[in-house]
PDB file of N, CA and C in Angstrom:
ATOM      1  N   MET A   1     102.311  65.301  73.202  1.00  0.00           N
ATOM      2  CA  MET A   1     101.585  66.516  72.910  1.00  0.00           C
ATOM      3  C   MET A   1     101.179  67.250  74.188  1.00  0.00           C
ATOM      4  N   SER A   2     100.774  66.492  75.209  1.00  0.00           N
ATOM      5  CA  SER A   2     100.374  67.153  76.449  1.00  0.00           C
ATOM      6  C   SER A   2     101.568  67.766  77.171  1.00  0.00           C
ATOM      7  N   ASP A   3     102.779  67.214  76.940  1.00  0.00           N
ATOM      8  CA  ASP A   3     103.972  67.801  77.550  1.00  0.00           C
ATOM      9  C   ASP A   3     104.220  69.211  77.043  1.00  0.00           C
ATOM     10  N   SER A   4     104.016  69.442  75.739  1.00  0.00           N
ATOM     11  CA  SER A   4     104.244  70.786  75.204  1.00  0.00           C
ATOM     12  C   SER A   4     103.207  71.764  75.743  1.00  0.00           C
ATOM     13  N   LYS A   5     101.960  71.299  75.926  1.00  0.00           N
ATOM     14  CA  LYS A   5     100.947  72.167  76.524  1.00  0.00           C
ATOM     15  C   LYS A   5     101.299  72.485  77.968  1.00  0.00           C
ATOM     16  N   ASN A   6     101.786  71.483  78.702  1.00  0.00           N
ATOM     17  CA  ASN A   6     102.172  71.671  80.091  1.00  0.00           C
ATOM     18  C   ASN A   6     103.353  72.629  80.193  1.00  0.00           C
ATOM     19  N   ASN A   7     104.337  72.477  79.304  1.00  0.00           N
ATOM     20  CA  ASN A   7     105.494  73.376  79.295  1.00  0.00           C
ATOM     21  C   ASN A   7     105.080  74.799  78.964  1.00  0.00           C
ATOM     22  N   THR A   8     104.141  74.958  78.029  1.00  0.00           N
ATOM     23  CA  THR A   8     103.650  76.287  77.688  1.00  0.00           C
ATOM     24  C   THR A   8     102.951  76.910  78.889  1.00  0.00           C
ATOM     25  N   GLY A   9     102.182  76.117  79.628  1.00  0.00           N
ATOM     26  CA  GLY A   9     101.499  76.621  80.819  1.00  0.00           C
ATOM     27  C   GLY A   9     102.476  77.090  81.877  1.00  0.00           C
ATOM     28  N   ILE A  10     103.538  76.328  82.079  1.00  0.00           N
ATOM     29  CA  ILE A  10     104.565  76.711  83.052  1.00  0.00           C
ATOM     30  C   ILE A  10     105.282  77.970  82.583  1.00  0.00           C
ATOM     31  N   PHE A  11     105.601  78.030  81.288  1.00  0.00           N
ATOM     32  CA  PHE A  11     106.264  79.209  80.732  1.00  0.00           C
ATOM     33  C   PHE A  11     105.376  80.443  80.901  1.00  0.00           C
ATOM     34  N   ASP A  12     104.079  80.291  80.611  1.00  0.00           N
ATOM     35  CA  ASP A  12     103.142  81.407  80.784  1.00  0.00           C
ATOM     36  C   ASP A  12     103.082  81.866  82.240  1.00  0.00           C
ATOM     37  N   LEU A  13     103.081  80.909  83.169  1.00  0.00           N
ATOM     38  CA  LEU A  13     103.056  81.245  84.590  1.00  0.00           C
ATOM     39  C   LEU A  13     104.313  82.008  84.996  1.00  0.00           C
ATOM     40  N   ILE A  14     105.467  81.569  84.512  1.00  0.00           N
ATOM     41  CA  ILE A  14     106.730  82.256  84.819  1.00  0.00           C
ATOM     42  C   ILE A  14     106.702  83.681  84.279  1.00  0.00           C
ATOM     43  N   ILE A  15     106.214  83.852  83.053  1.00  0.00           N
ATOM     44  CA  ILE A  15     106.116  85.195  82.456  1.00  0.00           C
ATOM     45  C   ILE A  15     105.174  86.069  83.286  1.00  0.00           C
ATOM     46  N   LYS A  16     104.029  85.520  83.705  1.00  0.00           N
ATOM     47  CA  LYS A  16     103.078  86.293  84.514  1.00  0.00           C
ATOM     48  C   LYS A  16     103.698  86.722  85.839  1.00  0.00           C
ATOM     49  N   ILE A  17     104.469  85.830  86.456  1.00  0.00           N
ATOM     50  CA  ILE A  17     105.121  86.169  87.729  1.00  0.00           C
ATOM     51  C   ILE A  17     106.143  87.280  87.521  1.00  0.00           C
ATOM     52  N   ILE A  18     106.933  87.187  86.453  1.00  0.00           N
ATOM     53  CA  ILE A  18     107.937  88.223  86.169  1.00  0.00           C
ATOM     54  C   ILE A  18     107.263  89.565  85.898  1.00  0.00           C
ATOM     55  N   VAL A  19     106.211  89.559  85.077  1.00  0.00           N
ATOM     56  CA  VAL A  19     105.494  90.805  84.779  1.00  0.00           C
ATOM     57  C   VAL A  19     104.882  91.380  86.058  1.00  0.00           C
ATOM     58  N   SER A  20     104.315  90.513  86.894  1.00  0.00           N
ATOM     59  CA  SER A  20     103.740  90.975  88.163  1.00  0.00           C
ATOM     60  C   SER A  20     104.804  91.583  89.065  1.00  0.00           C
ATOM     61  N   ALA A  21     105.994  90.980  89.087  1.00  0.00           N
ATOM     62  CA  ALA A  21     107.098  91.513  89.893  1.00  0.00           C
ATOM     63  C   ALA A  21     107.523  92.885  89.377  1.00  0.00           C
ATOM     64  N   VAL A  22     107.564  93.053  88.057  1.00  0.00           N
ATOM     65  CA  VAL A  22     107.926  94.353  87.471  1.00  0.00           C
ATOM     66  C   VAL A  22     106.871  95.399  87.839  1.00  0.00           C
ATOM     67  N   VAL A  23     105.598  95.036  87.700  1.00  0.00           N
ATOM     68  CA  VAL A  23     104.515  95.961  88.056  1.00  0.00           C
ATOM     69  C   VAL A  23     104.593  96.321  89.536  1.00  0.00           C
ATOM     70  N   LEU A  24     104.870  95.343  90.370  1.00  0.00           N
ATOM     71  CA  LEU A  24     105.013  95.587  91.806  1.00  0.00           C
ATOM     72  C   LEU A  24     106.202  96.506  92.085  1.00  0.00           C
ATOM     73  N   GLY A  25     107.309  96.309  91.369  1.00  0.00           N
ATOM     74  CA  GLY A  25     108.482  97.169  91.517  1.00  0.00           C
ATOM     75  C   GLY A  25     108.190  98.606  91.120  1.00  0.00           C
ATOM     76  N   ILE A  26     107.465  98.771  90.014  1.00  0.00           N
ATOM     77  CA  ILE A  26     107.074 100.116  89.574  1.00  0.00           C
ATOM     78  C   ILE A  26     106.179 100.762  90.630  1.00  0.00           C
ATOM     79  N   THR A  27     105.248  99.983  91.147  1.00  0.00           N
ATOM     80  CA  THR A  27     104.342 100.488  92.183  1.00  0.00           C
ATOM     81  C   THR A  27     105.115 100.908  93.428  1.00  0.00           C
ATOM     82  N   ALA A  28     106.057 100.073  93.870  1.00  0.00           N
ATOM     83  CA  ALA A  28     106.865 100.399  95.056  1.00  0.00           C
ATOM     84  C   ALA A  28     107.695 101.656  94.820  1.00  0.00           C
ATOM     85  N   PHE A  29     108.214 101.824  93.604  1.00  0.00           N
ATOM     86  CA  PHE A  29     109.040 102.984  93.277  1.00  0.00           C
ATOM     87  C   PHE A  29     108.247 104.286  93.422  1.00  0.00           C
ATOM     88  N   PHE A  30     106.996 104.278  92.989  1.00  0.00           N
ATOM     89  CA  PHE A  30     106.191 105.499  92.991  1.00  0.00           C
ATOM     90  C   PHE A  30     105.360 105.698  94.259  1.00  0.00           C
ATOM     91  N   THR A  31     105.434 104.761  95.197  1.00  0.00           N
ATOM     92  CA  THR A  31     104.566 104.825  96.370  1.00  0.00           C
ATOM     93  C   THR A  31     105.354 105.104  97.641  1.00  0.00           C
ATOM     94  N   PRO A  32     105.062 106.237  98.314  1.00  0.00           N
ATOM     95  CA  PRO A  32     105.702 106.482  99.611  1.00  0.00           C
ATOM     96  C   PRO A  32     105.187 105.471 100.635  1.00  0.00           C
ATOM     97  N   GLY A  33     106.065 105.014 101.504  1.00  0.00           N
ATOM     98  CA  GLY A  33     105.675 104.038 102.510  1.00  0.00           C
ATOM     99  C   GLY A  33     105.658 102.614 101.997  1.00  0.00           C
ATOM    100  N   PHE A  34     106.285 102.388 100.833  1.00  0.00           N
ATOM    101  CA  PHE A  34     106.307 101.053 100.223  1.00  0.00           C
ATOM    102  C   PHE A  34     107.706 100.822  99.674  1.00  0.00           C
ATOM    103  N   SER A  35     108.393  99.800 100.192  1.00  0.00           N
ATOM    104  CA  SER A  35     109.742  99.502  99.701  1.00  0.00           C
ATOM    105  C   SER A  35     109.975  97.999  99.699  1.00  0.00           C
ATOM    106  N   THR A  36     110.892  97.588  98.845  1.00  0.00           N
ATOM    107  CA  THR A  36     111.301  96.183  98.791  1.00  0.00           C
ATOM    108  C   THR A  36     112.814  96.147  98.769  1.00  0.00           C
ATOM    109  N   SER A  37     113.375  95.007  99.163  1.00  0.00           N
ATOM    110  CA  SER A  37     114.831  94.930  99.276  1.00  0.00           C
ATOM    111  C   SER A  37     115.518  94.367  98.039  1.00  0.00           C
ATOM    112  N   GLY A  38     114.789  94.094  96.980  1.00  0.00           N
ATOM    113  CA  GLY A  38     115.452  93.610  95.775  1.00  0.00           C
ATOM    114  C   GLY A  38     114.537  92.816  94.862  1.00  0.00           C
ATOM    115  N   ILE A  39     115.133  92.318  93.790  1.00  0.00           N
ATOM    116  CA  ILE A  39     114.386  91.590  92.766  1.00  0.00           C
ATOM    117  C   ILE A  39     113.797  90.295  93.321  1.00  0.00           C
ATOM    118  N   GLY A  40     114.581  89.579  94.114  1.00  0.00           N
ATOM    119  CA  GLY A  40     114.083  88.337  94.706  1.00  0.00           C
ATOM    120  C   GLY A  40     112.851  88.571  95.561  1.00  0.00           C
ATOM    121  N   THR A  41     112.886  89.641  96.325  1.00  0.00           N
ATOM    122  CA  THR A  41     111.737  90.002  97.162  1.00  0.00           C
ATOM    123  C   THR A  41     110.525  90.313  96.299  1.00  0.00           C
ATOM    124  N   LEU A  42     110.739  91.022  95.192  1.00  0.00           N
ATOM    125  CA  LEU A  42     109.632  91.347  94.288  1.00  0.00           C
ATOM    126  C   LEU A  42     109.006  90.084  93.705  1.00  0.00           C
ATOM    127  N   ILE A  43     109.843  89.122  93.328  1.00  0.00           N
ATOM    128  CA  ILE A  43     109.327  87.879  92.744  1.00  0.00           C
ATOM    129  C   ILE A  43     108.530  87.090  93.779  1.00  0.00           C
ATOM    130  N   VAL A  44     109.083  86.955  94.989  1.00  0.00           N
ATOM    131  CA  VAL A  44     108.366  86.233  96.051  1.00  0.00           C
ATOM    132  C   VAL A  44     107.069  86.968  96.399  1.00  0.00           C
ATOM    133  N   ALA A  45     107.124  88.292  96.479  1.00  0.00           N
ATOM    134  CA  ALA A  45     105.928  89.078  96.794  1.00  0.00           C
ATOM    135  C   ALA A  45     104.876  88.924  95.694  1.00  0.00           C
ATOM    136  N   ALA A  46     105.297  88.889  94.432  1.00  0.00           N
ATOM    137  CA  ALA A  46     104.354  88.698  93.325  1.00  0.00           C
ATOM    138  C   ALA A  46     103.653  87.348  93.447  1.00  0.00           C
ATOM    139  N   ILE A  47     104.397  86.325  93.837  1.00  0.00           N
ATOM    140  CA  ILE A  47     103.803  84.994  94.026  1.00  0.00           C
ATOM    141  C   ILE A  47     102.815  85.018  95.193  1.00  0.00           C
ATOM    142  N   VAL A  48     103.220  85.619  96.309  1.00  0.00           N
ATOM    143  CA  VAL A  48     102.344  85.694  97.488  1.00  0.00           C
ATOM    144  C   VAL A  48     101.086  86.493  97.169  1.00  0.00           C
ATOM    145  N   ILE A  49     101.229  87.614  96.484  1.00  0.00           N
ATOM    146  CA  ILE A  49     100.066  88.425  96.112  1.00  0.00           C
ATOM    147  C   ILE A  49      99.150  87.633  95.185  1.00  0.00           C
ATOM    148  N   GLY A  50      99.737  86.881  94.254  1.00  0.00           N
ATOM    149  CA  GLY A  50      98.933  86.028  93.375  1.00  0.00           C
ATOM    150  C   GLY A  50      98.130  85.005  94.158  1.00  0.00           C
ATOM    151  N   ILE A  51      98.764  84.390  95.147  1.00  0.00           N
ATOM    152  CA  ILE A  51      98.074  83.400  95.990  1.00  0.00           C
ATOM    153  C   ILE A  51      96.980  84.071  96.820  1.00  0.00           C
ATOM    154  N   LEU A  52      97.292  85.230  97.419  1.00  0.00           N
ATOM    155  CA  LEU A  52      96.284  85.945  98.213  1.00  0.00           C
ATOM    156  C   LEU A  52      95.110  86.397  97.342  1.00  0.00           C
ATOM    157  N   ASN A  53      95.393  86.848  96.113  1.00  0.00           N
ATOM    158  CA  ASN A  53      94.318  87.225  95.186  1.00  0.00           C
ATOM    159  C   ASN A  53      93.445  86.021  94.860  1.00  0.00           C
ATOM    160  N   TRP A  54      94.094  84.885  94.592  1.00  0.00           N
ATOM    161  CA  TRP A  54      93.361  83.662  94.271  1.00  0.00           C
ATOM    162  C   TRP A  54      92.474  83.253  95.441  1.00  0.00           C
ATOM    163  N   LEU A  55      93.032  83.289  96.660  1.00  0.00           N
ATOM    164  CA  LEU A  55      92.247  82.944  97.847  1.00  0.00           C
ATOM    165  C   LEU A  55      91.068  83.899  98.033  1.00  0.00           C
ATOM    166  N   THR A  56      91.293  85.176  97.767  1.00  0.00           N
ATOM    167  CA  THR A  56      90.226  86.168  97.898  1.00  0.00           C
ATOM    168  C   THR A  56      89.086  85.856  96.942  1.00  0.00           C
ATOM    169  N   VAL A  57      89.422  85.530  95.700  1.00  0.00           N
ATOM    170  CA  VAL A  57      88.391  85.196  94.717  1.00  0.00           C
ATOM    171  C   VAL A  57      87.644  83.935  95.142  1.00  0.00           C
ATOM    172  N   LYS A  58      88.368  82.926  95.614  1.00  0.00           N
ATOM    173  CA  LYS A  58      87.739  81.658  96.011  1.00  0.00           C
ATOM    174  C   LYS A  58      86.866  81.803  97.254  1.00  0.00           C
ATOM    175  N   ILE A  59      87.327  82.565  98.233  1.00  0.00           N
ATOM    176  CA  ILE A  59      86.604  82.671  99.503  1.00  0.00           C
ATOM    177  C   ILE A  59      85.504  83.733  99.444  1.00  0.00           C
ATOM    178  N   VAL A  60      85.849  84.916  98.968  1.00  0.00           N
ATOM    179  CA  VAL A  60      84.918  86.044  99.001  1.00  0.00           C
ATOM    180  C   VAL A  60      84.194  86.226  97.672  1.00  0.00           C
ATOM    181  N   GLY A  61      84.829  85.805  96.592  1.00  0.00           N
ATOM    182  CA  GLY A  61      84.233  85.970  95.273  1.00  0.00           C
ATOM    183  C   GLY A  61      84.479  87.341  94.674  1.00  0.00           C
ATOM    184  N   VAL A  62      85.437  88.078  95.221  1.00  0.00           N
ATOM    185  CA  VAL A  62      85.757  89.419  94.723  1.00  0.00           C
ATOM    186  C   VAL A  62      87.124  89.392  94.077  1.00  0.00           C
ATOM    187  N   ASN A  63      87.201  89.861  92.835  1.00  0.00           N
ATOM    188  CA  ASN A  63      88.476  89.971  92.141  1.00  0.00           C
ATOM    189  C   ASN A  63      89.264  91.120  92.755  1.00  0.00           C
ATOM    190  N   ALA A  64      90.518  90.863  93.098  1.00  0.00           N
ATOM    191  CA  ALA A  64      91.340  91.875  93.763  1.00  0.00           C
ATOM    192  C   ALA A  64      92.034  92.779  92.762  1.00  0.00           C
ATOM    193  N   SER A  65      91.315  93.217  91.768  1.00  0.00           N
ATOM    194  CA  SER A  65      91.838  94.182  90.812  1.00  0.00           C
ATOM    195  C   SER A  65      91.397  95.563  91.281  1.00  0.00           C
ATOM    196  N   PRO A  66      92.320  96.522  91.373  1.00  0.00           N
ATOM    197  CA  PRO A  66      91.971  97.819  91.949  1.00  0.00           C
ATOM    198  C   PRO A  66      90.764  98.493  91.304  1.00  0.00           C
ATOM    199  N   PHE A  67      90.640  98.375  89.987  1.00  0.00           N
ATOM    200  CA  PHE A  67      89.516  99.029  89.329  1.00  0.00           C
ATOM    201  C   PHE A  67      88.537  98.030  88.743  1.00  0.00           C
ATOM    202  N   GLY A  68      88.851  96.738  88.844  1.00  0.00           N
ATOM    203  CA  GLY A  68      87.997  95.699  88.289  1.00  0.00           C
ATOM    204  C   GLY A  68      86.685  95.541  89.034  1.00  0.00           C
ATOM    205  N   ALA A  69      86.680  95.780  90.309  1.00  0.00           N
ATOM    206  CA  ALA A  69      85.469  95.605  91.114  1.00  0.00           C
ATOM    207  C   ALA A  69      85.123  96.892  91.859  1.00  0.00           C
ATOM    208  N   GLY A  70      85.521  98.022  91.324  1.00  0.00           N
ATOM    209  CA  GLY A  70      85.188  99.302  91.937  1.00  0.00           C
ATOM    210  C   GLY A  70      85.858  99.505  93.280  1.00  0.00           C
ATOM    211  N   ALA A  71      85.118 100.104  94.200  1.00  0.00           N
ATOM    212  CA  ALA A  71      85.665 100.425  95.524  1.00  0.00           C
ATOM    213  C   ALA A  71      86.053  99.167  96.289  1.00  0.00           C
ATOM    214  N   VAL A  72      85.268  98.108  96.134  1.00  0.00           N
ATOM    215  CA  VAL A  72      85.580  96.860  96.832  1.00  0.00           C
ATOM    216  C   VAL A  72      86.908  96.300  96.336  1.00  0.00           C
ATOM    217  N   GLY A  73      87.119  96.298  95.028  1.00  0.00           N
ATOM    218  CA  GLY A  73      88.385  95.818  94.467  1.00  0.00           C
ATOM    219  C   GLY A  73      89.564  96.655  94.930  1.00  0.00           C
ATOM    220  N   PHE A  74      89.357  97.961  95.028  1.00  0.00           N
ATOM    221  CA  PHE A  74      90.404  98.861  95.500  1.00  0.00           C
ATOM    222  C   PHE A  74      90.785  98.537  96.944  1.00  0.00           C
ATOM    223  N   VAL A  75      89.779  98.363  97.802  1.00  0.00           N
ATOM    224  CA  VAL A  75      90.036  98.046  99.215  1.00  0.00           C
ATOM    225  C   VAL A  75      90.696  96.677  99.346  1.00  0.00           C
ATOM    226  N   VAL A  76      90.209  95.698  98.597  1.00  0.00           N
ATOM    227  CA  VAL A  76      90.787  94.351  98.645  1.00  0.00           C
ATOM    228  C   VAL A  76      92.244  94.390  98.207  1.00  0.00           C
ATOM    229  N   THR A  77      92.553  95.155  97.157  1.00  0.00           N
ATOM    230  CA  THR A  77      93.938  95.278  96.699  1.00  0.00           C
ATOM    231  C   THR A  77      94.816  95.886  97.782  1.00  0.00           C
ATOM    232  N   ALA A  78      94.334  96.934  98.441  1.00  0.00           N
ATOM    233  CA  ALA A  78      95.104  97.563  99.522  1.00  0.00           C
ATOM    234  C   ALA A  78      95.352  96.572 100.655  1.00  0.00           C
ATOM    235  N   VAL A  79      94.345  95.791 101.016  1.00  0.00           N
ATOM    236  CA  VAL A  79      94.493  94.802 102.089  1.00  0.00           C
ATOM    237  C   VAL A  79      95.488  93.720 101.683  1.00  0.00           C
ATOM    238  N   VAL A  80      95.393  93.237 100.443  1.00  0.00           N
ATOM    239  CA  VAL A  80      96.323  92.207  99.956  1.00  0.00           C
ATOM    240  C   VAL A  80      97.754  92.740  99.951  1.00  0.00           C
ATOM    241  N   LEU A  81      97.949  93.970  99.477  1.00  0.00           N
ATOM    242  CA  LEU A  81      99.288  94.567  99.489  1.00  0.00           C
ATOM    243  C   LEU A  81      99.825  94.650 100.917  1.00  0.00           C
ATOM    244  N   TYR A  82      98.969  95.040 101.857  1.00  0.00           N
ATOM    245  CA  TYR A  82      99.401  95.175 103.247  1.00  0.00           C
ATOM    246  C   TYR A  82      99.696  93.816 103.882  1.00  0.00           C
ATOM    247  N   LEU A  83      98.833  92.842 103.669  1.00  0.00           N
ATOM    248  CA  LEU A  83      99.024  91.516 104.269  1.00  0.00           C
ATOM    249  C   LEU A  83     100.288  90.820 103.774  1.00  0.00           C
ATOM    250  N   THR A  84     100.695  91.132 102.565  1.00  0.00           N
ATOM    251  CA  THR A  84     101.887  90.504 101.988  1.00  0.00           C
ATOM    252  C   THR A  84     103.119  90.771 102.844  1.00  0.00           C
ATOM    253  N   ARG A  85     103.145  91.881 103.551  1.00  0.00           N
ATOM    254  CA  ARG A  85     104.310  92.211 104.391  1.00  0.00           C
ATOM    255  C   ARG A  85     104.560  91.169 105.469  1.00  0.00           C
ATOM    256  N   TYR A  86     103.516  90.445 105.870  1.00  0.00           N
ATOM    257  CA  TYR A  86     103.660  89.425 106.911  1.00  0.00           C
ATOM    258  C   TYR A  86     104.190  88.096 106.375  1.00  0.00           C
ATOM    259  N   PHE A  87     104.243  87.959 105.061  1.00  0.00           N
ATOM    260  CA  PHE A  87     104.687  86.711 104.449  1.00  0.00           C
ATOM    261  C   PHE A  87     106.026  86.813 103.729  1.00  0.00           C
ATOM    262  N   VAL A  88     106.482  88.038 103.440  1.00  0.00           N
ATOM    263  CA  VAL A  88     107.687  88.222 102.625  1.00  0.00           C
ATOM    264  C   VAL A  88     108.684  89.111 103.362  1.00  0.00           C
ATOM    265  N   ASP A  89     109.870  88.556 103.629  1.00  0.00           N
ATOM    266  CA  ASP A  89     110.960  89.336 104.221  1.00  0.00           C
ATOM    267  C   ASP A  89     111.451  90.379 103.222  1.00  0.00           C
ATOM    268  N   GLY A  90     111.703  91.588 103.678  1.00  0.00           N
ATOM    269  CA  GLY A  90     112.219  92.638 102.808  1.00  0.00           C
ATOM    270  C   GLY A  90     111.137  93.396 102.064  1.00  0.00           C
ATOM    271  N   TYR A  91     109.878  93.067 102.314  1.00  0.00           N
ATOM    272  CA  TYR A  91     108.734  93.748 101.706  1.00  0.00           C
ATOM    273  C   TYR A  91     108.113  94.594 102.810  1.00  0.00           C
ATOM    274  N   ASN A  92     108.255  95.904 102.694  1.00  0.00           N
ATOM    275  CA  ASN A  92     107.795  96.814 103.746  1.00  0.00           C
ATOM    276  C   ASN A  92     106.755  97.770 103.184  1.00  0.00           C
ATOM    277  N   ILE A  93     105.613  97.823 103.854  1.00  0.00           N
ATOM    278  CA  ILE A  93     104.557  98.725 103.409  1.00  0.00           C
ATOM    279  C   ILE A  93     103.737  99.160 104.621  1.00  0.00           C
ATOM    280  N   THR A  94     103.370 100.426 104.635  1.00  0.00           N
ATOM    281  CA  THR A  94     102.506 100.950 105.690  1.00  0.00           C
ATOM    282  C   THR A  94     101.056 100.866 105.208  1.00  0.00           C
ATOM    283  N   ILE A  95     100.124 101.135 106.111  1.00  0.00           N
ATOM    284  CA  ILE A  95      98.711 101.130 105.710  1.00  0.00           C
ATOM    285  C   ILE A  95      98.458 102.206 104.660  1.00  0.00           C
ATOM    286  N   VAL A  96      98.997 103.399 104.893  1.00  0.00           N
ATOM    287  CA  VAL A  96      98.845 104.483 103.915  1.00  0.00           C
ATOM    288  C   VAL A  96      99.534 104.102 102.604  1.00  0.00           C
ATOM    289  N   GLY A  97     100.708 103.479 102.706  1.00  0.00           N
ATOM    290  CA  GLY A  97     101.411 103.008 101.514  1.00  0.00           C
ATOM    291  C   GLY A  97     100.593 101.988 100.740  1.00  0.00           C
ATOM    292  N   ALA A  98      99.870 101.120 101.449  1.00  0.00           N
ATOM    293  CA  ALA A  98      99.027 100.120 100.787  1.00  0.00           C
ATOM    294  C   ALA A  98      97.869 100.782 100.047  1.00  0.00           C
ATOM    295  N   ILE A  99      97.304 101.817 100.643  1.00  0.00           N
ATOM    296  CA  ILE A  99      96.197 102.532  99.997  1.00  0.00           C
ATOM    297  C   ILE A  99      96.697 103.256  98.751  1.00  0.00           C
ATOM    298  N   ILE A 100      97.802 103.991  98.895  1.00  0.00           N
ATOM    299  CA  ILE A 100      98.381 104.683  97.738  1.00  0.00           C
ATOM    300  C   ILE A 100      98.863 103.652  96.716  1.00  0.00           C
ATOM    301  N   GLY A 101      99.466 102.563  97.197  1.00  0.00           N
ATOM    302  CA  GLY A 101      99.949 101.505  96.312  1.00  0.00           C
ATOM    303  C   GLY A 101      98.835 100.881  95.498  1.00  0.00           C
ATOM    304  N   ALA A 102      97.654 100.700  96.090  1.00  0.00           N
ATOM    305  CA  ALA A 102      96.513 100.153  95.352  1.00  0.00           C
ATOM    306  C   ALA A 102      96.117 101.089  94.216  1.00  0.00           C
ATOM    307  N   LEU A 103      96.174 102.391  94.473  1.00  0.00           N
ATOM    308  CA  LEU A 103      95.871 103.370  93.431  1.00  0.00           C
ATOM    309  C   LEU A 103      96.921 103.323  92.324  1.00  0.00           C
ATOM    310  N   VAL A 104      98.205 103.345  92.698  1.00  0.00           N
ATOM    311  CA  VAL A 104      99.292 103.287  91.710  1.00  0.00           C
ATOM    312  C   VAL A 104      99.229 101.974  90.937  1.00  0.00           C
ATOM    313  N   LEU A 105      98.991 100.869  91.639  1.00  0.00           N
ATOM    314  CA  LEU A 105      98.897  99.565  90.989  1.00  0.00           C
ATOM    315  C   LEU A 105      97.761  99.545  89.975  1.00  0.00           C
ATOM    316  N   GLY A 106      96.649 100.154  90.321  1.00  0.00           N
ATOM    317  CA  GLY A 106      95.528 100.243  89.386  1.00  0.00           C
ATOM    318  C   GLY A 106      95.879 101.028  88.140  1.00  0.00           C
ATOM    319  N   ILE A 107      96.609 102.123  88.306  1.00  0.00           N
ATOM    320  CA  ILE A 107      97.025 102.938  87.160  1.00  0.00           C
ATOM    321  C   ILE A 107      98.015 102.170  86.293  1.00  0.00           C
ATOM    322  N   VAL A 108      99.031 101.567  86.915  1.00  0.00           N
ATOM    323  CA  VAL A 108     100.026 100.793  86.164  1.00  0.00           C
ATOM    324  C   VAL A 108      99.351  99.616  85.476  1.00  0.00           C
ATOM    325  N   ASP A 109      98.432  98.952  86.164  1.00  0.00           N
ATOM    326  CA  ASP A 109      97.710  97.812  85.611  1.00  0.00           C
ATOM    327  C   ASP A 109      96.873  98.230  84.402  1.00  0.00           C
ATOM    328  N   ALA A 110      96.302  99.432  84.448  1.00  0.00           N
ATOM    329  CA  ALA A 110      95.500  99.923  83.333  1.00  0.00           C
ATOM    330  C   ALA A 110      96.364 100.270  82.123  1.00  0.00           C
ATOM    331  N   VAL A 111      97.592 100.733  82.376  1.00  0.00           N
ATOM    332  CA  VAL A 111      98.493 101.128  81.291  1.00  0.00           C
ATOM    333  C   VAL A 111      99.126  99.914  80.617  1.00  0.00           C
ATOM    334  N   LEU A 112      99.529  98.913  81.417  1.00  0.00           N
ATOM    335  CA  LEU A 112     100.170  97.719  80.866  1.00  0.00           C
ATOM    336  C   LEU A 112      99.108  96.697  80.480  1.00  0.00           C
ATOM    337  N   PRO A 113      99.121  96.244  79.221  1.00  0.00           N
ATOM    338  CA  PRO A 113      98.130  95.253  78.805  1.00  0.00           C
ATOM    339  C   PRO A 113      98.459  93.868  79.352  1.00  0.00           C
ATOM    340  N   GLY A 114      97.466  93.006  79.394  1.00  0.00           N
ATOM    341  CA  GLY A 114      97.682  91.614  79.791  1.00  0.00           C
ATOM    342  C   GLY A 114      97.293  91.357  81.222  1.00  0.00           C
ATOM    343  N   LYS A 115      97.215  90.081  81.537  1.00  0.00           N
ATOM    344  CA  LYS A 115      96.816  89.645  82.879  1.00  0.00           C
ATOM    345  C   LYS A 115      98.034  89.432  83.748  1.00  0.00           C
ATOM    346  N   ARG A 116      97.910  89.789  85.012  1.00  0.00           N
ATOM    347  CA  ARG A 116      98.949  89.510  85.995  1.00  0.00           C
ATOM    348  C   ARG A 116      98.549  88.277  86.783  1.00  0.00           C
ATOM    349  N   VAL A 117      99.454  87.845  87.662  1.00  0.00           N
ATOM    350  CA  VAL A 117      99.166  86.683  88.508  1.00  0.00           C
ATOM    351  C   VAL A 117      98.055  87.038  89.463  1.00  0.00           C
TER     352      VAL A 117
END
């Protein structure tokens, strides 16, 4: 019985990563100064952003949702988007792109239901 729960958890995690990669791709498409080199890059970037968001919540206690924590969440999202460039090959973003990307990500996140990584 616990195996099926564990498999469901892994399946849910995979779905969240894929949805996060799609949201990230949409954000990159609409954001000047933000580009990725392909689907693999989007998936790796979604995982890295998920880890950076988790670390931010654990260390600072601020949810890195663009509109979830107001101005602080917006700034944290922009910083997380920018820092990801140092961990993922083929993920290119400028500081201005990260700021605009945080805004676009917040809009896309508000339109698409469900939780991301």
